[in-house]
Amino acid sequence: MSFTFLKTLVFSHLHTVLLLLGIAFIVAAVQILTNIGYTLLTIGIFIVIIALLIERGWKDK
């Protein structure tokens, strides 16, 4: 996987950028409302989701 593909994936699809912003806000809210354990769990789940989205996009090409 190259950086060019990742850049194209993020910047050519507005919904991808909005997804990443939404994830950042959710992680920040979990951080504020709970302790670090739940925050790390939330970050881990979102990293897996992003990896699956990138993998699906990679297979489509």
Protein backbone atom coordinates (compact mmCIF):
# COMPACT_ATOMS: atom_id res chain seq x y z
CA MET A 1 0.00 0.00 0.00
CA SER A 2 1.39 3.36 -0.95
CA PHE A 3 0.97 6.78 0.54
CA THR A 4 -0.58 8.00 -2.72
CA PHE A 5 -3.41 5.49 -2.40
CA LEU A 6 -4.10 6.53 1.19
CA LYS A 7 -4.03 10.21 0.23
CA THR A 8 -6.46 9.55 -2.62
CA LEU A 9 -8.73 7.53 -0.34
CA VAL A 10 -8.91 10.30 2.26
CA PHE A 11 -9.07 13.38 0.07
CA SER A 12 -11.26 12.12 -2.76
CA HIS A 13 -14.08 11.02 -0.47
CA LEU A 14 -15.66 13.59 1.76
CA HIS A 15 -17.39 10.91 3.81
CA THR A 16 -14.00 9.45 4.77
CA VAL A 17 -12.81 12.79 6.11
CA LEU A 18 -16.06 13.22 8.02
CA LEU A 19 -15.69 9.69 9.42
CA LEU A 20 -12.22 10.49 10.75
CA LEU A 21 -13.43 13.74 12.30
CA GLY A 22 -16.36 11.95 13.90
CA ILE A 23 -14.04 9.31 15.32
CA ALA A 24 -11.80 12.00 16.79
CA PHE A 25 -14.75 13.70 18.49
CA ILE A 26 -16.09 10.42 19.87
CA VAL A 27 -12.68 9.49 21.28
CA ALA A 28 -12.38 12.95 22.86
CA ALA A 29 -15.84 12.61 24.42
CA VAL A 30 -15.01 9.17 25.82
CA GLN A 31 -11.77 10.59 27.23
CA ILE A 32 -13.62 13.40 28.98
CA LEU A 33 -16.48 11.27 30.31
CA THR A 34 -14.63 8.11 31.38
CA ASN A 35 -11.21 6.84 32.28
CA ILE A 36 -8.23 5.94 30.07
CA GLY A 37 -9.21 2.26 29.78
CA TYR A 38 -12.40 2.99 27.90
CA THR A 39 -10.59 5.53 25.76
CA LEU A 40 -7.99 2.98 24.69
CA LEU A 41 -10.73 0.49 23.92
CA THR A 42 -12.54 3.05 21.78
CA ILE A 43 -9.35 3.96 19.92
CA GLY A 44 -8.63 0.29 19.27
CA ILE A 45 -12.10 -0.34 17.86
CA PHE A 46 -11.86 2.67 15.57
CA ILE A 47 -8.39 1.69 14.34
CA VAL A 48 -9.75 -1.73 13.38
CA ILE A 49 -12.68 -0.09 11.55
CA ILE A 50 -10.34 2.22 9.63
CA ALA A 51 -8.06 -0.70 8.73
CA LEU A 52 -11.04 -2.64 7.37
CA LEU A 53 -12.16 0.35 5.31
CA ILE A 54 -8.67 0.80 3.85
CA GLU A 55 -8.40 -2.93 3.11
CA ARG A 56 -11.78 -2.92 1.37
CA GLY A 57 -10.73 0.10 -0.69
CA TRP A 58 -7.43 -1.58 -1.58
CA LYS A 59 -9.20 -4.72 -2.84
CA ASP A 60 -11.57 -2.66 -5.00
CA LYS A 61 -8.67 -1.31 -7.08
